[in-house]
Structure formats: structure tokens, C-alpha cells
Amino acid sequence: MGRFGEATAVERAGDGRYQADLDQGFGFAEALNGGYLMAVLARAAVDASPHDHPISTAASFLRVAKPGPAEVLVEPRKSGRTAAMSRVTLVQAGEPVVDALITTGTLETGLEPHWTGEAPPAMPAPDECSTFASGKDDRGFADNVEMLFDPATMGWLDGQPSGRLEARAWFRLPGYGNDGCALALAVDALPPVVLNVGAKGWAPTVELTWHMRAVPAPGRLAVHGGGRLVAGGWFDEEVEVWDSAGRLVAQSRQLARVGRGLT
């Protein structure tokens, strides 16, 4: 299962109730990554569903989730032949932390699309990309999620942001394959695109909606992030995830707060 599989595991504790142990290795300092939290919710939603895949998730992030014990509550809203819908809530210390509406369905493996739009520009080869490995013993997000970043979108690290809302990277989870839970993490794994227009620091997600469009092929995933507007302390971020077979397998849009550096 790899560390990610263990970190997103849920244990049924009753009708619509699951226990989880949130892993600090998928966060930054004490704040856990939103995509990781959505993967935990997806794991519970699929377990409680007759269907195999989390095809649509609309998540509101109410509080900062901390490492340690948590409860996941799954409240069915509809169950049908092609889709089931549930309200799924992550709870810590008696308070809701993430509240989501998750729709599950079953996607055919290897299904070719009837039509698809233009693919994004090609990524540089992995050996031409840069990493964020920390090299520390307390292995954090950068060491548990293998990401190789397009150098053209990383100028903000050297005080030379590109001036565009953008981020791109290759994505892979060591010891774990590509599935719906991996995609939940992938859509929220990039550095905030707003860093490339001068923002600094943490950019907390307020709401994120993502869709699983296909079962991904094995291999690295190409994650492309962009956006449309920064205004009034808010920005949007749109992400597409493409697999090694050249198929669009996930897409997302989130609304987040701007960190420091912009007025």
C-alpha cells in the first residue's frame, strides 16, 4: 500500500462512521494538505458506496486539520445504478473540519473518450525538472509525494515569479498506484499558483471541487495548474491531471485566500 495507502486508511466503526489516523507526513508544519484530506474522505465514501470511484467531490474546508485521530461520517443522500451521493464530514475534537458532497460511480478501465479538448503544452522530461526534497529525518509532504517541477514555473523561489498564475509538475506516490485517492491528492499537490504573481506564504483553500474523469494508467501523472483572477484577497486555481497514456483523468477548481505580499 505504501505510506499513502496506510495514511488514508479508514476503519468502519459503525453505520456511516469511520475512524482514521491522520498522518503528519502529508502536511506542512501542523496543517495537513487538503488533497490528502479529500483522499481520506473518498476512501470512506467508496467503502460505503456500491460504486468504485469518487467521480465528483465538492469540499469546504472549515478548519485546519491536525495530525492524529479523526472521525469520518458518511450520510447517504442517493444510491442509484450509475451514481451514489453522500455527505461526508471529517471531524476532529468534536468539530467538523472538512465537509464534502461526494458522488461515486464506476468508470471503465482503459475507456477511450469520444472527444477531448486540446492537451496542455508538453512537460519537460522528468530529468529536466526540479525537486523539493527536504533531506530531513521527519519526512514531510515533499518526501512522501514525489513531485518533479517544471523549472519555468518555479521562478518565485528565487524572487523571480513568472507573473502568471501557473504551476506544473510530474506527480507520483512512492509504493502506491494511481487511483481515485491518488487523484484527490494530485489536484491539490502543487504550490499555490498565486506564488507566481508575487504572493508569499500559506494560501489556505476555502472550497475545492474536483472530478475524476478516467481511471489513470500506471506511471507518472502530469499536473498542470493555472488560474483566472486574483482580487480582494482571493484567487482561483484550476488543475488538470493527465496520465501516461495522454488522457485527462482529473480536473479541479478551488477558491483560496491569498497569502502575504499582495494588496
C-alpha atoms as a PDB file:
ATOM      1  CA  MET A   1       0.000   0.000   0.000  1.00  0.00           C
ATOM      2  CA  GLY A   2       2.903   2.360   0.594  1.00  0.00           C
ATOM      3  CA  ARG A   3       2.768   5.101   3.149  1.00  0.00           C
ATOM      4  CA  PHE A   4      -0.057   6.879   1.335  1.00  0.00           C
ATOM      5  CA  GLY A   5      -2.283   3.801   1.483  1.00  0.00           C
ATOM      6  CA  GLU A   6      -1.691   3.447   5.200  1.00  0.00           C
ATOM      7  CA  ALA A   7      -2.127   7.188   5.787  1.00  0.00           C
ATOM      8  CA  THR A   8      -5.539   7.263   4.080  1.00  0.00           C
ATOM      9  CA  ALA A   9      -6.882   4.031   5.577  1.00  0.00           C
ATOM     10  CA  VAL A  10     -10.240   4.187   7.334  1.00  0.00           C
ATOM     11  CA  GLU A  11     -11.790   1.650   9.686  1.00  0.00           C
ATOM     12  CA  ARG A  12     -15.533   1.157   9.873  1.00  0.00           C
ATOM     13  CA  ALA A  13     -16.724   1.935  13.414  1.00  0.00           C
ATOM     14  CA  GLY A  14     -20.471   1.687  12.879  1.00  0.00           C
ATOM     15  CA  ASP A  15     -23.201   2.578  10.432  1.00  0.00           C
ATOM     16  CA  GLY A  16     -21.819   5.516   8.437  1.00  0.00           C
ATOM     17  CA  ARG A  17     -18.943   6.057  10.887  1.00  0.00           C
ATOM     18  CA  TYR A  18     -15.232   5.537  10.226  1.00  0.00           C
ATOM     19  CA  GLN A  19     -12.066   6.074  12.231  1.00  0.00           C
ATOM     20  CA  ALA A  20      -8.884   7.482  10.689  1.00  0.00           C
ATOM     21  CA  ASP A  21      -5.412   8.390  11.931  1.00  0.00           C
ATOM     22  CA  LEU A  22      -4.252  11.474  10.010  1.00  0.00           C
ATOM     23  CA  ASP A  23      -0.575  11.355   9.051  1.00  0.00           C
ATOM     24  CA  GLN A  24       1.696  14.366   9.615  1.00  0.00           C
ATOM     25  CA  GLY A  25       3.766  13.226   6.641  1.00  0.00           C
ATOM     26  CA  PHE A  26       1.121  14.659   4.286  1.00  0.00           C
ATOM     27  CA  GLY A  27       1.139  18.183   5.665  1.00  0.00           C
ATOM     28  CA  PHE A  28       3.209  21.285   6.093  1.00  0.00           C
ATOM     29  CA  ALA A  29       4.136  22.054   9.693  1.00  0.00           C
ATOM     30  CA  GLU A  30       0.892  21.304  11.584  1.00  0.00           C
ATOM     31  CA  ALA A  31      -1.512  21.889   8.649  1.00  0.00           C
ATOM     32  CA  LEU A  32      -2.473  18.820   6.622  1.00  0.00           C
ATOM     33  CA  ASN A  33      -2.816  19.048   2.846  1.00  0.00           C
ATOM     34  CA  GLY A  34      -6.386  19.442   1.595  1.00  0.00           C
ATOM     35  CA  GLY A  35      -5.962  16.855  -1.152  1.00  0.00           C
ATOM     36  CA  TYR A  36      -4.806  14.320   1.414  1.00  0.00           C
ATOM     37  CA  LEU A  37      -7.915  15.014   3.498  1.00  0.00           C
ATOM     38  CA  MET A  38     -10.124  14.583   0.423  1.00  0.00           C
ATOM     39  CA  ALA A  39      -8.450  11.227  -0.203  1.00  0.00           C
ATOM     40  CA  VAL A  40      -9.388  10.090   3.309  1.00  0.00           C
ATOM     41  CA  LEU A  41     -12.985  11.204   2.717  1.00  0.00           C
ATOM     42  CA  ALA A  42     -13.024   9.456  -0.666  1.00  0.00           C
ATOM     43  CA  ARG A  43     -11.820   6.224   0.931  1.00  0.00           C
ATOM     44  CA  ALA A  44     -14.781   6.238   3.330  1.00  0.00           C
ATOM     45  CA  ALA A  45     -17.283   7.336   0.658  1.00  0.00           C
ATOM     46  CA  VAL A  46     -16.299   4.499  -1.689  1.00  0.00           C
ATOM     47  CA  ASP A  47     -16.369   1.938   1.135  1.00  0.00           C
ATOM     48  CA  ALA A  48     -19.944   2.973   1.949  1.00  0.00           C
ATOM     49  CA  SER A  49     -20.999   3.017  -1.731  1.00  0.00           C
ATOM     50  CA  PRO A  50     -21.930   0.305  -4.244  1.00  0.00           C
ATOM     51  CA  HIS A  51     -19.613   2.071  -6.727  1.00  0.00           C
ATOM     52  CA  ASP A  52     -15.834   2.062  -7.091  1.00  0.00           C
ATOM     53  CA  HIS A  53     -14.738   5.614  -7.850  1.00  0.00           C
ATOM     54  CA  PRO A  54     -15.103   9.119  -6.349  1.00  0.00           C
ATOM     55  CA  ILE A  55     -16.176  10.801  -9.573  1.00  0.00           C
ATOM     56  CA  SER A  56     -17.143  14.185  -8.073  1.00  0.00           C
ATOM     57  CA  THR A  57     -16.149  15.884  -4.812  1.00  0.00           C
ATOM     58  CA  ALA A  58     -17.156  19.352  -3.613  1.00  0.00           C
ATOM     59  CA  ALA A  59     -15.294  20.056  -0.367  1.00  0.00           C
ATOM     60  CA  SER A  60     -15.489  23.005   2.024  1.00  0.00           C
ATOM     61  CA  PHE A  61     -12.526  23.420   4.360  1.00  0.00           C
ATOM     62  CA  LEU A  62     -13.865  24.696   7.674  1.00  0.00           C
ATOM     63  CA  ARG A  63     -10.856  24.385   9.978  1.00  0.00           C
ATOM     64  CA  VAL A  64      -7.215  23.328   9.864  1.00  0.00           C
ATOM     65  CA  ALA A  65      -6.913  19.546  10.255  1.00  0.00           C
ATOM     66  CA  LYS A  66      -4.171  18.308  12.574  1.00  0.00           C
ATOM     67  CA  PRO A  67      -2.304  15.000  12.629  1.00  0.00           C
ATOM     68  CA  GLY A  68      -3.876  12.337  14.825  1.00  0.00           C
ATOM     69  CA  PRO A  69      -7.240  10.657  15.350  1.00  0.00           C
ATOM     70  CA  ALA A  70     -10.265  11.757  13.327  1.00  0.00           C
ATOM     71  CA  GLU A  71     -13.747  10.513  12.561  1.00  0.00           C
ATOM     72  CA  VAL A  72     -15.354  10.389   9.112  1.00  0.00           C
ATOM     73  CA  LEU A  73     -19.165  10.494   8.926  1.00  0.00           C
ATOM     74  CA  VAL A  74     -20.882   9.293   5.738  1.00  0.00           C
ATOM     75  CA  GLU A  75     -24.536  10.269   5.284  1.00  0.00           C
ATOM     76  CA  PRO A  76     -26.109   8.744   2.152  1.00  0.00           C
ATOM     77  CA  ARG A  77     -28.222  11.102   0.048  1.00  0.00           C
ATOM     78  CA  LYS A  78     -28.962   8.930  -3.006  1.00  0.00           C
ATOM     79  CA  SER A  79     -27.994   5.495  -4.291  1.00  0.00           C
ATOM     80  CA  GLY A  80     -28.669   4.581  -7.899  1.00  0.00           C
ATOM     81  CA  ARG A  81     -27.496   2.268 -10.658  1.00  0.00           C
ATOM     82  CA  THR A  82     -24.935   4.707 -12.056  1.00  0.00           C
ATOM     83  CA  ALA A  83     -24.182   7.018  -9.122  1.00  0.00           C
ATOM     84  CA  ALA A  84     -24.489   7.371  -5.372  1.00  0.00           C
ATOM     85  CA  MET A  85     -24.219  10.610  -3.417  1.00  0.00           C
ATOM     86  CA  SER A  86     -23.207  11.127   0.201  1.00  0.00           C
ATOM     87  CA  ARG A  87     -22.411  13.968   2.545  1.00  0.00           C
ATOM     88  CA  VAL A  88     -19.017  13.123   4.041  1.00  0.00           C
ATOM     89  CA  THR A  89     -17.621  15.040   7.027  1.00  0.00           C
ATOM     90  CA  LEU A  90     -14.213  14.860   8.674  1.00  0.00           C
ATOM     91  CA  VAL A  91     -14.477  15.536  12.407  1.00  0.00           C
ATOM     92  CA  GLN A  92     -11.749  16.256  14.960  1.00  0.00           C
ATOM     93  CA  ALA A  93     -12.204  17.158  18.640  1.00  0.00           C
ATOM     94  CA  GLY A  94     -15.975  17.130  18.087  1.00  0.00           C
ATOM     95  CA  GLU A  95     -15.886  19.795  15.351  1.00  0.00           C
ATOM     96  CA  PRO A  96     -16.330  19.446  11.573  1.00  0.00           C
ATOM     97  CA  VAL A  97     -13.076  20.138   9.731  1.00  0.00           C
ATOM     98  CA  VAL A  98     -13.959  19.304   6.110  1.00  0.00           C
ATOM     99  CA  ASP A  99     -17.495  18.918   4.773  1.00  0.00           C
ATOM    100  CA  ALA A 100     -17.970  17.404   1.315  1.00  0.00           C
ATOM    101  CA  LEU A 101     -20.593  16.155  -1.092  1.00  0.00           C
ATOM    102  CA  ILE A 102     -19.105  13.111  -2.828  1.00  0.00           C
ATOM    103  CA  THR A 103     -20.631  11.366  -5.805  1.00  0.00           C
ATOM    104  CA  THR A 104     -19.369   7.867  -6.534  1.00  0.00           C
ATOM    105  CA  GLY A 105     -19.679   5.920  -9.766  1.00  0.00           C
ATOM    106  CA  THR A 106     -17.886   3.133 -11.612  1.00  0.00           C
ATOM    107  CA  LEU A 107     -15.592   4.063 -14.507  1.00  0.00           C
ATOM    108  CA  GLU A 108     -14.376   1.572 -17.107  1.00  0.00           C
ATOM    109  CA  THR A 109     -10.637   0.949 -17.108  1.00  0.00           C
ATOM    110  CA  GLY A 110      -8.925   1.952 -20.343  1.00  0.00           C
ATOM    111  CA  LEU A 111     -12.017   3.646 -21.753  1.00  0.00           C
ATOM    112  CA  GLU A 112     -11.177   5.992 -24.631  1.00  0.00           C
ATOM    113  CA  PRO A 113     -13.006   9.353 -24.762  1.00  0.00           C
ATOM    114  CA  HIS A 114     -15.428  10.202 -27.553  1.00  0.00           C
ATOM    115  CA  TRP A 115     -13.936  13.721 -27.690  1.00  0.00           C
ATOM    116  CA  THR A 116     -11.366  15.678 -25.730  1.00  0.00           C
ATOM    117  CA  GLY A 117     -10.098  19.235 -25.908  1.00  0.00           C
ATOM    118  CA  GLU A 118      -6.576  20.317 -26.670  1.00  0.00           C
ATOM    119  CA  ALA A 119      -3.941  18.863 -24.377  1.00  0.00           C
ATOM    120  CA  PRO A 120      -1.796  21.287 -22.366  1.00  0.00           C
ATOM    121  CA  PRO A 121       1.773  22.034 -23.512  1.00  0.00           C
ATOM    122  CA  ALA A 122       4.177  19.153 -23.018  1.00  0.00           C
ATOM    123  CA  MET A 123       6.040  18.966 -19.734  1.00  0.00           C
ATOM    124  CA  PRO A 124       9.839  18.912 -19.659  1.00  0.00           C
ATOM    125  CA  ALA A 125      11.327  15.446 -19.208  1.00  0.00           C
ATOM    126  CA  PRO A 126      11.487  14.375 -15.553  1.00  0.00           C
ATOM    127  CA  ASP A 127      15.296  14.631 -15.501  1.00  0.00           C
ATOM    128  CA  GLU A 128      14.984  18.285 -16.565  1.00  0.00           C
ATOM    129  CA  CYS A 129      12.724  19.152 -13.615  1.00  0.00           C
ATOM    130  CA  SER A 130      13.478  20.244 -10.045  1.00  0.00           C
ATOM    131  CA  THR A 131      12.523  18.737  -6.680  1.00  0.00           C
ATOM    132  CA  PHE A 132      11.645  19.901  -3.168  1.00  0.00           C
ATOM    133  CA  ALA A 133      13.190  17.022  -1.170  1.00  0.00           C
ATOM    134  CA  SER A 134      13.839  18.159   2.397  1.00  0.00           C
ATOM    135  CA  GLY A 135      16.506  15.638   3.378  1.00  0.00           C
ATOM    136  CA  LYS A 136      15.244  15.657   6.986  1.00  0.00           C
ATOM    137  CA  ASP A 137      14.576  12.659   9.206  1.00  0.00           C
ATOM    138  CA  ASP A 138      10.972  13.757   9.937  1.00  0.00           C
ATOM    139  CA  ARG A 139       9.843  13.095   6.401  1.00  0.00           C
ATOM    140  CA  GLY A 140       7.151  15.552   5.370  1.00  0.00           C
ATOM    141  CA  PHE A 141       4.979  16.090   2.296  1.00  0.00           C
ATOM    142  CA  ALA A 142       7.887  16.766  -0.062  1.00  0.00           C
ATOM    143  CA  ASP A 143       9.434  13.395   0.818  1.00  0.00           C
ATOM    144  CA  ASN A 144       6.248  11.310   0.738  1.00  0.00           C
ATOM    145  CA  VAL A 145       4.945  12.692  -2.547  1.00  0.00           C
ATOM    146  CA  GLU A 146       7.340  12.560  -5.491  1.00  0.00           C
ATOM    147  CA  MET A 147       6.949  15.771  -7.474  1.00  0.00           C
ATOM    148  CA  LEU A 148       9.237  17.000 -10.232  1.00  0.00           C
ATOM    149  CA  PHE A 149       8.531  20.641 -11.043  1.00  0.00           C
ATOM    150  CA  ASP A 150       8.727  22.433 -14.371  1.00  0.00           C
ATOM    151  CA  PRO A 151      11.527  24.993 -13.754  1.00  0.00           C
ATOM    152  CA  ALA A 152       9.664  27.583 -15.856  1.00  0.00           C
ATOM    153  CA  THR A 153       7.021  27.791 -13.119  1.00  0.00           C
ATOM    154  CA  MET A 154       9.368  27.897 -10.126  1.00  0.00           C
ATOM    155  CA  GLY A 155      10.945  31.331 -10.516  1.00  0.00           C
ATOM    156  CA  TRP A 156       9.177  32.549  -7.372  1.00  0.00           C
ATOM    157  CA  LEU A 157      11.684  30.520  -5.338  1.00  0.00           C
ATOM    158  CA  ASP A 158      14.444  32.885  -6.465  1.00  0.00           C
ATOM    159  CA  GLY A 159      12.368  36.047  -6.258  1.00  0.00           C
ATOM    160  CA  GLN A 160      11.597  35.960  -9.990  1.00  0.00           C
ATOM    161  CA  PRO A 161       7.941  34.926 -10.326  1.00  0.00           C
ATOM    162  CA  SER A 162       6.726  34.391 -13.885  1.00  0.00           C
ATOM    163  CA  GLY A 163       3.869  36.894 -13.498  1.00  0.00           C
ATOM    164  CA  ARG A 164       1.273  34.276 -14.469  1.00  0.00           C
ATOM    165  CA  LEU A 165      -0.976  32.062 -12.357  1.00  0.00           C
ATOM    166  CA  GLU A 166       0.771  28.772 -13.126  1.00  0.00           C
ATOM    167  CA  ALA A 167       2.422  25.685 -11.688  1.00  0.00           C
ATOM    168  CA  ARG A 168       3.295  22.361 -13.315  1.00  0.00           C
ATOM    169  CA  ALA A 169       4.813  19.119 -12.084  1.00  0.00           C
ATOM    170  CA  TRP A 170       5.147  15.398 -12.565  1.00  0.00           C
ATOM    171  CA  PHE A 171       3.434  13.526  -9.712  1.00  0.00           C
ATOM    172  CA  ARG A 172       3.893  10.040  -8.272  1.00  0.00           C
ATOM    173  CA  LEU A 173       3.241   8.371  -4.914  1.00  0.00           C
ATOM    174  CA  PRO A 174       6.082   6.026  -3.893  1.00  0.00           C
ATOM    175  CA  GLY A 175       4.862   2.479  -3.396  1.00  0.00           C
ATOM    176  CA  TYR A 176       1.299   3.301  -4.426  1.00  0.00           C
ATOM    177  CA  GLY A 177      -0.530   3.092  -7.745  1.00  0.00           C
ATOM    178  CA  ASN A 178      -2.806   5.562  -9.498  1.00  0.00           C
ATOM    179  CA  ASP A 179      -6.429   5.510  -8.313  1.00  0.00           C
ATOM    180  CA  GLY A 180      -9.150   7.903  -7.204  1.00  0.00           C
ATOM    181  CA  CYS A 181      -7.494   8.619  -3.856  1.00  0.00           C
ATOM    182  CA  ALA A 182      -4.183   9.406  -5.557  1.00  0.00           C
ATOM    183  CA  LEU A 183      -6.008  11.811  -7.879  1.00  0.00           C
ATOM    184  CA  ALA A 184      -7.641  13.522  -4.892  1.00  0.00           C
ATOM    185  CA  LEU A 185      -4.165  14.350  -3.633  1.00  0.00           C
ATOM    186  CA  ALA A 186      -2.768  15.236  -7.065  1.00  0.00           C
ATOM    187  CA  VAL A 187      -5.302  18.002  -7.734  1.00  0.00           C
ATOM    188  CA  ASP A 188      -4.133  19.831  -4.584  1.00  0.00           C
ATOM    189  CA  ALA A 189      -0.430  18.951  -4.558  1.00  0.00           C
ATOM    190  CA  LEU A 190       1.056  21.900  -6.498  1.00  0.00           C
ATOM    191  CA  PRO A 191       2.450  25.015  -4.829  1.00  0.00           C
ATOM    192  CA  PRO A 192      -0.244  27.731  -4.946  1.00  0.00           C
ATOM    193  CA  VAL A 193      -0.268  29.282  -8.424  1.00  0.00           C
ATOM    194  CA  VAL A 194      -0.570  32.716  -6.800  1.00  0.00           C
ATOM    195  CA  LEU A 195       3.106  32.495  -5.760  1.00  0.00           C
ATOM    196  CA  ASN A 196       3.977  33.280  -9.373  1.00  0.00           C
ATOM    197  CA  VAL A 197       2.339  36.713  -9.175  1.00  0.00           C
ATOM    198  CA  GLY A 198       4.148  37.808  -6.015  1.00  0.00           C
ATOM    199  CA  ALA A 199       2.187  36.267  -3.144  1.00  0.00           C
ATOM    200  CA  LYS A 200       4.090  34.671  -0.282  1.00  0.00           C
ATOM    201  CA  GLY A 201       3.324  32.134   2.405  1.00  0.00           C
ATOM    202  CA  TRP A 202       0.349  29.899   3.005  1.00  0.00           C
ATOM    203  CA  ALA A 203      -2.699  30.200   0.719  1.00  0.00           C
ATOM    204  CA  PRO A 204      -5.493  28.301   2.510  1.00  0.00           C
ATOM    205  CA  THR A 205      -8.130  26.605   0.376  1.00  0.00           C
ATOM    206  CA  VAL A 206     -11.713  27.555   1.225  1.00  0.00           C
ATOM    207  CA  GLU A 207     -13.577  25.380  -1.311  1.00  0.00           C
ATOM    208  CA  LEU A 208     -12.371  22.824  -3.847  1.00  0.00           C
ATOM    209  CA  THR A 209     -14.370  20.851  -6.379  1.00  0.00           C
ATOM    210  CA  TRP A 210     -12.723  18.075  -8.369  1.00  0.00           C
ATOM    211  CA  HIS A 211     -13.810  15.407 -10.839  1.00  0.00           C
ATOM    212  CA  MET A 212     -12.317  12.027 -11.616  1.00  0.00           C
ATOM    213  CA  ARG A 213     -12.696  11.645 -15.399  1.00  0.00           C
ATOM    214  CA  ALA A 214     -10.985   8.312 -16.041  1.00  0.00           C
ATOM    215  CA  VAL A 215      -9.101   5.512 -14.325  1.00  0.00           C
ATOM    216  CA  PRO A 216      -5.443   6.580 -14.727  1.00  0.00           C
ATOM    217  CA  ALA A 217      -2.830   4.401 -16.383  1.00  0.00           C
ATOM    218  CA  PRO A 218       0.280   3.442 -14.391  1.00  0.00           C
ATOM    219  CA  GLY A 219       3.208   5.845 -14.347  1.00  0.00           C
ATOM    220  CA  ARG A 220       3.800   9.476 -13.544  1.00  0.00           C
ATOM    221  CA  LEU A 221       0.907  11.926 -13.746  1.00  0.00           C
ATOM    222  CA  ALA A 222       1.347  15.361 -15.335  1.00  0.00           C
ATOM    223  CA  VAL A 223      -0.289  18.041 -13.178  1.00  0.00           C
ATOM    224  CA  HIS A 224      -0.989  21.424 -14.781  1.00  0.00           C
ATOM    225  CA  GLY A 225      -2.205  24.343 -12.649  1.00  0.00           C
ATOM    226  CA  GLY A 226      -3.489  27.750 -13.714  1.00  0.00           C
ATOM    227  CA  GLY A 227      -5.963  30.426 -12.706  1.00  0.00           C
ATOM    228  CA  ARG A 228      -8.036  33.372 -13.887  1.00  0.00           C
ATOM    229  CA  LEU A 229      -8.218  36.079 -11.238  1.00  0.00           C
ATOM    230  CA  VAL A 230      -6.593  37.461  -8.089  1.00  0.00           C
ATOM    231  CA  ALA A 231      -8.725  40.124  -6.402  1.00  0.00           C
ATOM    232  CA  GLY A 232      -9.730  41.263  -2.938  1.00  0.00           C
ATOM    233  CA  GLY A 233      -7.574  38.728  -1.138  1.00  0.00           C
ATOM    234  CA  TRP A 234      -8.984  35.773  -3.111  1.00  0.00           C
ATOM    235  CA  PHE A 235      -7.737  33.731  -6.067  1.00  0.00           C
ATOM    236  CA  ASP A 236      -8.911  30.746  -8.067  1.00  0.00           C
ATOM    237  CA  GLU A 237      -6.814  27.779  -9.117  1.00  0.00           C
ATOM    238  CA  GLU A 238      -7.677  25.296 -11.847  1.00  0.00           C
ATOM    239  CA  VAL A 239      -5.841  21.981 -12.212  1.00  0.00           C
ATOM    240  CA  GLU A 240      -5.808  19.274 -14.860  1.00  0.00           C
ATOM    241  CA  VAL A 241      -4.186  15.871 -14.342  1.00  0.00           C
ATOM    242  CA  TRP A 242      -3.088  13.843 -17.383  1.00  0.00           C
ATOM    243  CA  ASP A 243      -1.871  10.249 -17.252  1.00  0.00           C
ATOM    244  CA  SER A 244       0.945   8.440 -19.072  1.00  0.00           C
ATOM    245  CA  ALA A 245      -1.483   7.414 -21.840  1.00  0.00           C
ATOM    246  CA  GLY A 246      -2.170  11.075 -22.611  1.00  0.00           C
ATOM    247  CA  ARG A 247      -5.688  11.113 -21.146  1.00  0.00           C
ATOM    248  CA  LEU A 248      -7.293  13.745 -18.951  1.00  0.00           C
ATOM    249  CA  VAL A 249      -8.012  11.830 -15.731  1.00  0.00           C
ATOM    250  CA  ALA A 250      -8.896  14.577 -13.234  1.00  0.00           C
ATOM    251  CA  GLN A 251      -9.760  18.267 -13.158  1.00  0.00           C
ATOM    252  CA  SER A 252     -10.429  20.707 -10.334  1.00  0.00           C
ATOM    253  CA  ARG A 253     -11.167  24.284  -9.391  1.00  0.00           C
ATOM    254  CA  GLN A 254     -10.624  25.815  -5.992  1.00  0.00           C
ATOM    255  CA  LEU A 255     -11.171  29.156  -4.309  1.00  0.00           C
ATOM    256  CA  ALA A 256      -8.466  30.177  -1.844  1.00  0.00           C
ATOM    257  CA  ARG A 257      -7.185  33.090   0.184  1.00  0.00           C
ATOM    258  CA  VAL A 258      -4.099  34.995  -0.918  1.00  0.00           C
ATOM    259  CA  GLY A 259      -1.117  34.877   1.419  1.00  0.00           C
ATOM    260  CA  ARG A 260       1.211  37.756   2.170  1.00  0.00           C
ATOM    261  CA  GLY A 261       2.761  40.017  -0.431  1.00  0.00           C
ATOM    262  CA  LEU A 262      -0.272  41.222  -2.401  1.00  0.00           C
ATOM    263  CA  THR A 263      -2.609  44.108  -1.590  1.00  0.00           C
END
